[in-house]
Amino acid sequence: MEYVSTRGAAPALGFDDVLLTGLARDRGLYVPRSWPAVSGEDWKGMAGLPYAELAARVMRPFIAGSAVESKFDALVSQAYAGFRHPAVVPLKQLDSSQWLMELFHGPTLAFKDVAMQLLGQLFDAVLEARGQRITIVGATSGDTGSAAIEACRDRERVDIFILHPKGRTSEVQRRQMTAVQADNVHNLAVEGTFDDCQDLVKALFADQDFRDEVSLSAVNSINWARVMAQIVYYAAAALAIGAPERAVRFTVPTGNFGNVFAGYGACQMGLPIEGFLVASNANDILTRFFASGAMSMEGVTPTLSPSMDIQISSNFERLLFDLYDREGGAVAQAMKTFRDSGRLDIGQARWRAALELFEGFRLDDAGTLAEIARVWRETGELIDPHTAVGTAAARAKAPKGAAPTITLATAHPAKFPDAVEQATGVRPDLPPFLADLYDREERYGVIPKDVELLKAEVRKSARIKGAAA
C-alpha cells in the first residue's frame, strides 16, 4: 500500500513511514493512493467476527508491505484485549430506528482509545524492527491526549508531549493526562485554544531541521493510522445491523472531522452507508460549510462539549483532496487561501458532491442539556454532552423511512459529570479503575503560544539525543 500527501509535493510513502512521519513534509496529510475495494461477499464473510478479528481483516490491506505485517493479527488482538466490554464497541438500540455505538470502553473512556491502543502497539513493533526511537508531540481538545498517553506511557522507544488548552478541558479529561507519572510522558497546558495548540504542533512539523533533530512523530488524527483503525467500528456497526444487504446511516459528533472521515473511508471501501450527519456544537464551522459550501473561521466558544471546540478541522483536508479530484496543488492553494483569508469557497459543483454523503447539524449548550435529559427520561441511558449533540442530530434530521441511524457515543458520561448532573440530577460515577483519579498527583507545565518555548521544552526532556534516528 502506498500513501500520498493531500498537497502533492511530499514523497509517496509506505505504511511504516506514514505511521512514524504523521504530517507530510509539505504539511499535507497522507491518504491511500487508492482505496482498497471490499466486495459484498467479503463483507458478508466478516459478519459476526469478534472485533479484533474483524479489525485485522479490515485493516490488513492498509498495512501491506509493513515490517510488522506478519505480527499484525497479534498486535491487533493485544490492542483490544484490555477493553472493558467483550464486544469492544457494543451497540444499544434507542428506538425503532435509532442506535448508539458505545466507543468508550477503553482505558480512558473515550473513542480515541479504539485507535490509540493499536497505535501504541504499532509504534513499539515498527520502532523495534527499525532500531529507532521517536518523539511524539500532539495537541488535544480533551480526549486525544489521555488516550495517546495511555497508549504510549512507559514505552522505551517513545517520548510523548501533549499540549492541551489551559482551562478548556473537563477536570476528568485534564487529570487523565496530568496524573500519569511516567518518565516518558510530558504534559503542557497552553494559554490559548485547541486551535492554538494545533498550530504549535503544525509549526514544529514545518521546521524540518527540528523535526529531524528529535525524530518528530504525531498521534493526532493527522496520523493516518488513527483513521485506519477507526474505519473498523463503522464496519462493525453496519455488519451488526444487516450490511451489506441493509444500508445504514451514521451520526458523528465531531470537531476535527477525523472520526467522520474514517466513516467516509469505510464507504469508499464498499460498505453500504447512505450518509453521514456531521453534528457540531456552537463551534459550527462544519455545519456552516455543509449549509453553504464555504468555510469561514470564527472565534472558538467554550461549550459543554469541549472536545468539539474547534474552528480549524484538520482532517477536512482529506475530504477536500477527493473533492478536488486528488490534485494536490489545488488543495495546497485552497488551504493557503483559507489560512490567509479565513475563508474558503470550494464552488458549487464540489459542494454538491460533498452533500451527496454529508449533512451538518448544530446544537448549542441549552439544547445539549435538554437532549441529555430527554435520552435519560425516555431510555434510562446517561450520555455525555458530545454524544447528546449526535443523538439530537439523528432525531432531528433522519428522514422518515430512512436506513437505521447509528450515533457514535464518543465518551463515557463520567468524563463530563457536571453537565450530566445538571441535565438529569444524576452524577455519573467513574468506573472503579479510575475511582481515585481526583486524588492522584498532577504534573504539567504551562506555556504561552510560543513555538520557540515549545521547542525548548521538547529538547530539554526528549531522550532522542544520540539515539538512532
Protein backbone atom coordinates (compact mmCIF):
# COMPACT_ATOMS: atom_id res chain seq x y z
CA MET A 1 0.00 0.00 0.00
CA GLU A 2 1.36 3.40 -0.99
CA TYR A 3 0.31 6.71 0.55
CA VAL A 4 0.32 10.19 -0.99
CA SER A 5 0.11 13.68 0.52
CA THR A 6 -3.02 15.76 0.09
CA ARG A 7 -0.78 18.65 -1.04
CA GLY A 8 1.07 16.70 -3.69
CA ALA A 9 4.66 17.83 -3.01
CA ALA A 10 5.85 15.23 -0.47
CA PRO A 11 7.20 11.81 -1.44
CA ALA A 12 4.83 8.83 -1.51
CA LEU A 13 5.49 6.50 1.44
CA GLY A 14 4.72 3.02 2.64
CA PHE A 15 2.71 2.33 5.79
CA ASP A 16 5.58 2.23 8.29
CA ASP A 17 6.97 5.58 7.16
CA VAL A 18 3.49 7.13 7.23
CA LEU A 19 2.97 5.80 10.76
CA LEU A 20 6.20 7.37 12.03
CA THR A 21 6.02 10.56 9.94
CA GLY A 22 2.49 11.74 10.81
CA LEU A 23 2.26 15.02 8.89
CA ALA A 24 3.73 15.03 5.38
CA ARG A 25 6.75 17.26 4.75
CA ASP A 26 4.68 19.53 2.50
CA ARG A 27 2.30 19.96 5.50
CA GLY A 28 -0.30 17.79 3.83
CA LEU A 29 -1.97 14.68 5.25
CA TYR A 30 -1.31 11.19 3.99
CA VAL A 31 -4.08 9.14 2.37
CA PRO A 32 -4.01 5.85 0.44
CA ARG A 33 -3.14 6.27 -3.22
CA SER A 34 -6.29 4.24 -3.85
CA TRP A 35 -8.92 2.80 -1.51
CA PRO A 36 -8.98 -0.99 -1.19
CA ALA A 37 -12.23 -2.41 -2.56
CA VAL A 38 -14.15 -4.96 -0.48
CA SER A 39 -16.89 -6.93 -2.22
CA GLY A 40 -20.33 -7.58 -0.81
CA GLU A 41 -19.43 -11.24 -0.39
CA ASP A 42 -16.30 -10.32 1.54
CA TRP A 43 -18.28 -8.01 3.84
CA LYS A 44 -20.77 -10.82 4.45
CA GLY A 45 -17.91 -13.14 5.32
CA MET A 46 -16.86 -10.75 8.09
CA ALA A 47 -20.27 -10.55 9.78
CA GLY A 48 -20.23 -11.99 13.28
CA LEU A 49 -16.44 -11.99 13.70
CA PRO A 50 -15.04 -10.96 17.11
CA TYR A 51 -13.95 -7.33 16.98
CA ALA A 52 -10.19 -7.97 16.90
CA GLU A 53 -10.54 -10.46 14.05
CA LEU A 54 -12.75 -8.06 12.10
CA ALA A 55 -10.26 -5.26 12.71
CA ALA A 56 -7.34 -7.29 11.38
CA ARG A 57 -9.31 -8.24 8.26
CA VAL A 58 -10.47 -4.68 7.50
CA MET A 59 -7.08 -3.05 8.11
CA ARG A 60 -4.80 -5.63 6.51
CA PRO A 61 -4.82 -4.02 3.01
CA PHE A 62 -3.62 -0.73 4.53
CA ILE A 63 -0.51 -2.25 6.14
CA ALA A 64 0.66 -4.29 3.14
CA GLY A 65 4.45 -4.15 2.99
CA SER A 66 4.90 -3.24 6.66
CA ALA A 67 7.80 -4.69 8.62
CA VAL A 68 5.25 -5.95 11.15
CA GLU A 69 2.76 -7.41 8.66
CA SER A 70 3.36 -10.95 9.93
CA LYS A 71 2.70 -9.83 13.52
CA PHE A 72 -0.32 -7.70 12.72
CA ASP A 73 -3.07 -10.04 13.94
CA ALA A 74 -1.31 -10.43 17.30
CA LEU A 75 -0.80 -6.66 17.65
CA VAL A 76 -4.49 -6.03 16.97
CA SER A 77 -5.51 -8.69 19.48
CA GLN A 78 -3.27 -7.12 22.16
CA ALA A 79 -4.66 -3.66 21.42
CA TYR A 80 -8.25 -4.64 22.21
CA ALA A 81 -7.64 -7.20 24.96
CA GLY A 82 -7.94 -4.57 27.69
CA PHE A 83 -11.31 -3.09 26.67
CA ARG A 84 -13.93 -3.47 29.37
CA HIS A 85 -16.73 -4.84 27.20
CA PRO A 86 -16.46 -8.16 25.36
CA ALA A 87 -17.86 -6.57 22.18
CA VAL A 88 -15.26 -3.73 22.44
CA VAL A 89 -17.72 -1.29 20.78
CA PRO A 90 -21.22 -2.53 21.71
CA LEU A 91 -24.45 -1.33 20.09
CA LYS A 92 -27.55 -0.24 22.02
CA GLN A 93 -30.94 0.33 20.46
CA LEU A 94 -32.70 3.55 21.50
CA ASP A 95 -35.90 3.19 19.46
CA SER A 96 -37.17 1.52 16.29
CA SER A 97 -34.56 3.15 14.05
CA GLN A 98 -32.01 4.86 16.32
CA TRP A 99 -28.93 3.12 17.72
CA LEU A 100 -25.94 4.07 19.86
CA MET A 101 -22.50 2.60 19.36
CA GLU A 102 -20.53 2.89 22.62
CA LEU A 103 -16.92 3.69 21.82
CA PHE A 104 -15.84 4.44 25.39
CA HIS A 105 -14.97 1.07 26.91
CA GLY A 106 -11.19 1.56 26.60
CA PRO A 107 -8.79 2.74 29.32
CA THR A 108 -9.57 6.48 29.08
CA LEU A 109 -13.34 6.23 28.47
CA ALA A 110 -13.34 7.87 25.01
CA PHE A 111 -13.49 6.79 21.38
CA LYS A 112 -9.86 7.81 20.85
CA ASP A 113 -8.80 4.63 22.68
CA VAL A 114 -10.03 2.45 19.82
CA ALA A 115 -7.30 3.82 17.56
CA MET A 116 -4.69 4.79 20.15
CA GLN A 117 -4.37 1.38 21.75
CA LEU A 118 -3.45 -0.03 18.35
CA LEU A 119 -1.19 2.93 17.56
CA GLY A 120 0.89 2.24 20.67
CA GLN A 121 1.34 -1.39 19.64
CA LEU A 122 2.32 -0.39 16.10
CA PHE A 123 4.82 2.24 17.26
CA ASP A 124 6.56 -0.28 19.50
CA ALA A 125 6.73 -3.00 16.87
CA VAL A 126 7.87 -0.82 13.96
CA LEU A 127 10.45 1.08 16.04
CA GLU A 128 11.87 -2.16 17.37
CA ALA A 129 12.11 -3.58 13.86
CA ARG A 130 13.99 -0.45 12.73
CA GLY A 131 16.10 0.10 15.85
CA GLN A 132 14.77 3.66 16.16
CA ARG A 133 13.02 5.90 18.67
CA ILE A 134 10.67 8.87 18.18
CA THR A 135 9.42 11.98 19.92
CA ILE A 136 5.65 12.44 19.71
CA VAL A 137 4.14 15.91 20.04
CA GLY A 138 0.36 16.14 19.94
CA ALA A 139 -2.46 18.57 20.63
CA THR A 140 -5.71 17.69 22.34
CA SER A 141 -9.06 19.31 22.92
CA GLY A 142 -9.63 16.79 25.70
CA ASP A 143 -9.70 13.11 24.79
CA THR A 144 -6.87 12.52 22.31
CA GLY A 145 -4.25 13.44 24.89
CA SER A 146 -5.23 10.98 27.57
CA ALA A 147 -5.75 8.20 25.03
CA ALA A 148 -2.34 8.87 23.47
CA ILE A 149 -0.61 8.99 26.86
CA GLU A 150 -2.23 5.74 27.96
CA ALA A 151 -1.15 4.08 24.71
CA CYS A 152 2.45 5.35 24.86
CA ARG A 153 3.28 5.53 28.57
CA ASP A 154 6.41 3.66 29.69
CA ARG A 155 7.35 2.69 26.12
CA GLU A 156 11.14 2.66 25.88
CA ARG A 157 11.34 3.95 22.30
CA VAL A 158 8.81 6.80 22.61
CA ASP A 159 8.75 10.17 24.37
CA ILE A 160 5.37 11.91 24.26
CA PHE A 161 4.48 15.58 24.74
CA ILE A 162 0.80 16.52 24.84
CA LEU A 163 -0.48 20.10 24.58
CA HIS A 164 -3.94 20.97 25.95
CA PRO A 165 -5.69 24.37 26.11
CA LYS A 166 -5.39 25.61 29.69
CA GLY A 167 -8.77 25.65 31.47
CA ARG A 168 -10.68 24.39 28.42
CA THR A 169 -10.95 20.66 29.15
CA SER A 170 -13.10 18.98 31.75
CA GLU A 171 -11.38 18.19 35.05
CA VAL A 172 -11.58 14.47 34.35
CA GLN A 173 -10.02 14.94 30.92
CA ARG A 174 -7.18 17.03 32.37
CA ARG A 175 -6.45 14.67 35.25
CA GLN A 176 -6.40 11.62 32.98
CA MET A 177 -3.42 13.28 31.27
CA THR A 178 -1.63 15.11 34.04
CA ALA A 179 -1.86 12.41 36.73
CA VAL A 180 0.15 9.91 34.69
CA GLN A 181 3.57 9.67 36.37
CA ALA A 182 5.59 8.04 33.60
CA ASP A 183 9.09 9.25 32.76
CA ASN A 184 8.37 9.44 29.02
CA VAL A 185 5.14 11.47 29.41
CA HIS A 186 5.14 15.29 29.38
CA ASN A 187 2.03 17.49 29.62
CA LEU A 188 1.91 21.17 28.67
CA ALA A 189 -1.06 23.49 29.21
CA VAL A 190 -1.10 26.18 26.52
CA GLU A 191 -2.52 29.59 27.27
CA GLY A 192 -4.97 29.60 24.37
CA THR A 193 -7.45 27.45 22.49
CA PHE A 194 -7.18 23.98 20.97
CA ASP A 195 -6.55 25.60 17.60
CA ASP A 196 -3.57 27.39 19.16
CA CYS A 197 -2.26 24.02 20.40
CA GLN A 198 -2.77 22.52 16.98
CA ASP A 199 -0.97 25.44 15.31
CA LEU A 200 2.04 24.91 17.60
CA VAL A 201 2.23 21.24 16.67
CA LYS A 202 2.00 22.01 12.95
CA ALA A 203 4.73 24.65 13.33
CA LEU A 204 7.07 22.04 14.80
CA PHE A 205 6.39 19.73 11.88
CA ALA A 206 7.05 22.59 9.44
CA ASP A 207 10.56 23.07 10.88
CA GLN A 208 12.39 20.32 9.01
CA ASP A 209 15.64 20.66 10.98
CA PHE A 210 13.88 20.37 14.34
CA ARG A 211 11.70 17.59 13.03
CA ASP A 212 14.76 15.56 12.08
CA GLU A 213 16.66 16.50 15.25
CA VAL A 214 14.10 14.89 17.57
CA SER A 215 12.56 12.34 15.14
CA LEU A 216 9.19 14.03 15.43
CA SER A 217 6.01 11.98 15.05
CA ALA A 218 2.29 12.51 15.62
CA VAL A 219 -0.64 10.82 17.34
CA ASN A 220 -3.32 13.32 16.37
CA SER A 221 -5.74 12.21 13.71
CA ILE A 222 -3.36 13.76 11.18
CA ASN A 223 -1.64 10.36 11.59
CA TRP A 224 -3.18 8.04 9.01
CA ALA A 225 -3.03 5.01 11.31
CA ARG A 226 -5.61 6.67 13.58
CA VAL A 227 -8.10 6.97 10.73
CA MET A 228 -7.36 3.41 9.57
CA ALA A 229 -8.22 1.96 12.98
CA GLN A 230 -11.44 3.96 13.21
CA ILE A 231 -12.75 2.62 9.91
CA VAL A 232 -13.26 -0.71 11.67
CA TYR A 233 -16.04 0.30 14.03
CA TYR A 234 -18.13 1.63 11.15
CA ALA A 235 -17.84 -1.83 9.61
CA ALA A 236 -18.67 -3.50 12.93
CA ALA A 237 -21.83 -1.40 13.38
CA ALA A 238 -23.06 -1.78 9.81
CA LEU A 239 -22.48 -5.55 9.74
CA ALA A 240 -24.26 -5.98 13.08
CA ILE A 241 -27.37 -4.27 11.73
CA GLY A 242 -27.50 -6.19 8.48
CA ALA A 243 -24.97 -4.84 5.97
CA PRO A 244 -24.24 -5.37 3.18
CA GLU A 245 -27.89 -6.28 2.42
CA ARG A 246 -29.09 -3.38 4.56
CA ALA A 247 -27.73 0.17 4.29
CA VAL A 248 -27.15 2.31 7.37
CA ARG A 249 -26.62 5.97 8.25
CA PHE A 250 -24.22 7.40 10.83
CA THR A 251 -24.40 10.45 13.04
CA VAL A 252 -20.99 11.61 14.22
CA PRO A 253 -20.31 14.30 16.85
CA THR A 254 -17.11 15.87 15.55
CA GLY A 255 -14.93 18.94 15.52
CA ASN A 256 -11.75 17.88 13.72
CA PHE A 257 -13.50 15.70 11.09
CA GLY A 258 -11.19 12.73 11.71
CA ASN A 259 -13.86 10.45 13.15
CA VAL A 260 -16.33 11.05 10.36
CA PHE A 261 -13.61 10.82 7.69
CA ALA A 262 -12.97 7.27 8.88
CA GLY A 263 -16.61 6.54 8.07
CA TYR A 264 -16.08 8.05 4.64
CA GLY A 265 -13.16 5.65 4.24
CA ALA A 266 -15.41 2.70 5.08
CA CYS A 267 -17.85 3.94 2.45
CA GLN A 268 -15.07 4.18 -0.15
CA MET A 269 -14.16 0.56 0.62
CA GLY A 270 -17.66 -0.50 -0.41
CA LEU A 271 -19.60 -0.54 2.86
CA PRO A 272 -23.23 0.48 2.09
CA ILE A 273 -23.60 3.75 4.01
CA GLU A 274 -26.37 6.12 2.92
CA GLY A 275 -24.85 9.19 4.51
CA PHE A 276 -23.23 10.94 7.46
CA LEU A 277 -24.78 13.55 9.72
CA VAL A 278 -21.94 15.77 10.97
CA ALA A 279 -23.02 17.02 14.41
CA SER A 280 -21.44 20.24 15.75
CA ASN A 281 -21.82 22.30 18.90
CA ALA A 282 -21.79 26.12 18.86
CA ASN A 283 -18.38 25.94 17.12
CA ASP A 284 -20.11 25.04 13.92
CA ILE A 285 -17.66 25.62 11.06
CA LEU A 286 -18.51 22.22 9.57
CA THR A 287 -22.27 22.77 9.79
CA ARG A 288 -21.88 26.16 8.14
CA PHE A 289 -19.79 24.60 5.39
CA PHE A 290 -22.37 21.95 4.56
CA ALA A 291 -25.08 24.62 4.57
CA SER A 292 -23.24 27.00 2.23
CA GLY A 293 -20.23 25.41 0.55
CA ALA A 294 -17.87 27.87 2.23
CA MET A 295 -15.63 27.52 5.27
CA SER A 296 -15.12 30.66 7.37
CA MET A 297 -13.18 30.92 10.62
CA GLU A 298 -14.74 32.46 13.69
CA GLY A 299 -13.67 32.61 17.33
CA VAL A 300 -13.82 29.47 19.48
CA THR A 301 -16.60 29.47 22.07
CA PRO A 302 -16.14 27.29 25.19
CA THR A 303 -19.03 24.79 25.47
CA LEU A 304 -20.23 21.81 27.49
CA SER A 305 -18.74 19.57 24.76
CA PRO A 306 -15.13 20.82 24.79
CA SER A 307 -13.64 18.15 22.54
CA MET A 308 -15.58 19.80 19.69
CA ASP A 309 -14.47 23.37 20.49
CA ILE A 310 -12.55 23.70 17.24
CA GLN A 311 -12.64 26.09 14.29
CA ILE A 312 -9.96 24.55 12.07
CA SER A 313 -10.94 20.98 11.21
CA SER A 314 -7.61 19.49 10.14
CA ASN A 315 -8.94 16.24 8.70
CA PHE A 316 -11.34 18.06 6.39
CA GLU A 317 -8.34 18.44 4.08
CA ARG A 318 -8.50 14.71 3.38
CA LEU A 319 -12.05 15.10 2.05
CA LEU A 320 -11.04 18.21 0.08
CA PHE A 321 -8.38 16.10 -1.65
CA ASP A 322 -11.11 13.92 -3.15
CA LEU A 323 -13.40 16.87 -3.85
CA TYR A 324 -10.52 18.49 -5.80
CA ASP A 325 -10.06 15.27 -7.83
CA ARG A 326 -6.90 14.39 -5.88
CA GLU A 327 -4.97 17.35 -7.31
CA GLY A 328 -2.53 18.13 -4.52
CA GLY A 329 -1.50 21.51 -5.90
CA ALA A 330 -5.11 22.69 -5.92
CA VAL A 331 -5.57 21.53 -2.32
CA ALA A 332 -2.38 23.31 -1.23
CA GLN A 333 -3.61 26.55 -2.81
CA ALA A 334 -7.06 26.14 -1.23
CA MET A 335 -5.55 25.65 2.24
CA LYS A 336 -3.29 28.69 1.76
CA THR A 337 -6.32 30.77 0.80
CA PHE A 338 -8.15 29.55 3.89
CA ARG A 339 -5.22 30.35 6.18
CA ASP A 340 -4.56 33.76 4.63
CA SER A 341 -8.15 34.99 4.40
CA GLY A 342 -10.04 32.88 6.94
CA ARG A 343 -12.46 31.79 4.23
CA LEU A 344 -12.60 29.08 1.57
CA ASP A 345 -15.34 28.69 -1.05
CA ILE A 346 -14.94 25.38 -2.89
CA GLY A 347 -17.50 26.09 -5.62
CA GLN A 348 -20.98 24.77 -6.27
CA ALA A 349 -20.01 21.52 -8.02
CA ARG A 350 -17.69 20.36 -5.23
CA TRP A 351 -20.17 21.44 -2.56
CA ARG A 352 -22.96 19.43 -4.18
CA ALA A 353 -20.64 16.43 -4.40
CA ALA A 354 -19.99 16.70 -0.66
CA LEU A 355 -23.72 16.88 0.05
CA GLU A 356 -24.25 13.51 -1.60
CA LEU A 357 -22.86 11.96 1.60
CA PHE A 358 -22.72 14.67 4.27
CA GLU A 359 -25.17 16.92 6.10
CA GLY A 360 -24.48 19.25 9.01
CA PHE A 361 -26.29 19.93 12.30
CA ARG A 362 -25.67 22.42 15.12
CA LEU A 363 -26.72 22.25 18.79
CA ASP A 364 -25.99 24.82 21.49
CA ASP A 365 -25.45 24.13 25.19
CA ALA A 366 -29.10 24.59 26.14
CA GLY A 367 -30.11 22.07 23.51
CA THR A 368 -27.37 19.72 24.67
CA LEU A 369 -28.65 19.72 28.26
CA ALA A 370 -32.21 19.21 27.05
CA GLU A 371 -31.10 16.23 24.92
CA ILE A 372 -29.20 14.58 27.77
CA ALA A 373 -32.34 14.94 29.89
CA ARG A 374 -34.60 13.59 27.13
CA VAL A 375 -32.50 10.49 26.50
CA TRP A 376 -32.30 9.79 30.24
CA ARG A 377 -36.04 10.28 30.67
CA GLU A 378 -37.08 8.19 27.67
CA THR A 379 -34.48 5.40 27.66
CA GLY A 380 -32.73 5.37 31.03
CA GLU A 381 -29.36 5.93 29.31
CA LEU A 382 -26.94 8.56 30.57
CA ILE A 383 -24.98 10.12 27.70
CA ASP A 384 -22.21 12.67 27.63
CA PRO A 385 -22.61 16.14 26.02
CA HIS A 386 -20.82 15.19 22.78
CA THR A 387 -23.00 12.12 22.28
CA ALA A 388 -26.06 14.27 23.03
CA VAL A 389 -25.22 16.55 20.11
CA GLY A 390 -25.22 13.41 17.97
CA THR A 391 -28.48 11.90 19.21
CA ALA A 392 -30.24 15.26 18.83
CA ALA A 393 -28.99 15.46 15.25
CA ALA A 394 -30.17 11.94 14.48
CA ARG A 395 -33.62 12.64 15.89
CA ALA A 396 -33.98 15.96 14.08
CA LYS A 397 -32.53 15.07 10.71
CA ALA A 398 -33.11 11.38 9.98
CA PRO A 399 -35.79 11.25 7.25
CA LYS A 400 -38.81 9.02 7.74
CA GLY A 401 -38.27 5.58 6.34
CA ALA A 402 -34.52 6.09 6.16
CA ALA A 403 -31.98 3.42 6.92
CA PRO A 404 -31.22 2.74 10.60
CA THR A 405 -29.19 5.58 12.10
CA ILE A 406 -26.24 4.82 14.36
CA THR A 407 -24.94 7.62 16.57
CA LEU A 408 -21.38 7.28 17.77
CA ALA A 409 -21.29 7.60 21.57
CA THR A 410 -17.85 9.14 21.83
CA ALA A 411 -17.27 9.42 25.60
CA HIS A 412 -18.40 7.95 28.91
CA PRO A 413 -20.80 10.29 30.77
CA ALA A 414 -18.49 10.28 33.82
CA LYS A 415 -15.94 12.28 31.83
CA PHE A 416 -18.39 15.21 31.97
CA PRO A 417 -20.20 14.70 35.28
CA ASP A 418 -21.15 18.33 35.85
CA ALA A 419 -23.09 18.65 32.60
CA VAL A 420 -24.78 15.27 33.01
CA GLU A 421 -25.79 16.08 36.58
CA GLN A 422 -27.07 19.50 35.56
CA ALA A 423 -29.28 17.89 32.94
CA THR A 424 -30.54 14.83 34.83
CA GLY A 425 -29.87 15.32 38.53
CA VAL A 426 -27.73 12.15 38.40
CA ARG A 427 -23.97 12.38 38.80
CA PRO A 428 -22.31 9.53 36.91
CA ASP A 429 -19.56 7.70 38.77
CA LEU A 430 -16.18 6.93 37.33
CA PRO A 431 -15.54 3.20 36.84
CA PRO A 432 -13.71 1.54 39.75
CA PHE A 433 -10.33 1.56 38.00
CA LEU A 434 -10.48 5.39 37.91
CA ALA A 435 -12.24 5.92 41.24
CA ASP A 436 -9.17 7.60 42.82
CA LEU A 437 -8.49 9.91 39.88
CA TYR A 438 -9.27 13.09 41.84
CA ASP A 439 -6.71 12.08 44.49
CA ARG A 440 -3.81 11.45 42.12
CA GLU A 441 -0.96 13.95 41.92
CA GLU A 442 -0.91 16.09 38.77
CA ARG A 443 2.21 17.07 36.84
CA TYR A 444 2.25 19.56 33.96
CA GLY A 445 3.82 22.79 32.75
CA VAL A 446 2.18 25.96 31.44
CA ILE A 447 3.42 27.78 28.34
CA PRO A 448 2.19 30.63 26.12
CA LYS A 449 1.56 30.11 22.41
CA ASP A 450 5.26 30.32 21.54
CA VAL A 451 6.94 27.88 19.14
CA GLU A 452 10.47 28.52 20.39
CA LEU A 453 9.47 27.89 24.02
CA LEU A 454 7.81 24.65 22.96
CA LYS A 455 10.94 23.53 21.10
CA ALA A 456 12.99 24.25 24.23
CA GLU A 457 10.64 22.14 26.35
CA VAL A 458 10.89 19.23 23.92
CA ARG A 459 14.68 19.46 23.64
CA LYS A 460 15.02 19.57 27.42
CA SER A 461 13.08 16.36 28.07
CA ALA A 462 13.22 14.19 24.95
CA ARG A 463 15.61 11.24 25.09
CA ILE A 464 16.30 11.18 21.35
CA LYS A 465 19.74 12.79 21.75
CA GLY A 466 22.37 10.46 20.44
CA ALA A 467 19.87 7.73 19.57
CA ALA A 468 19.43 6.12 16.18
CA ALA A 469 17.12 8.24 14.04
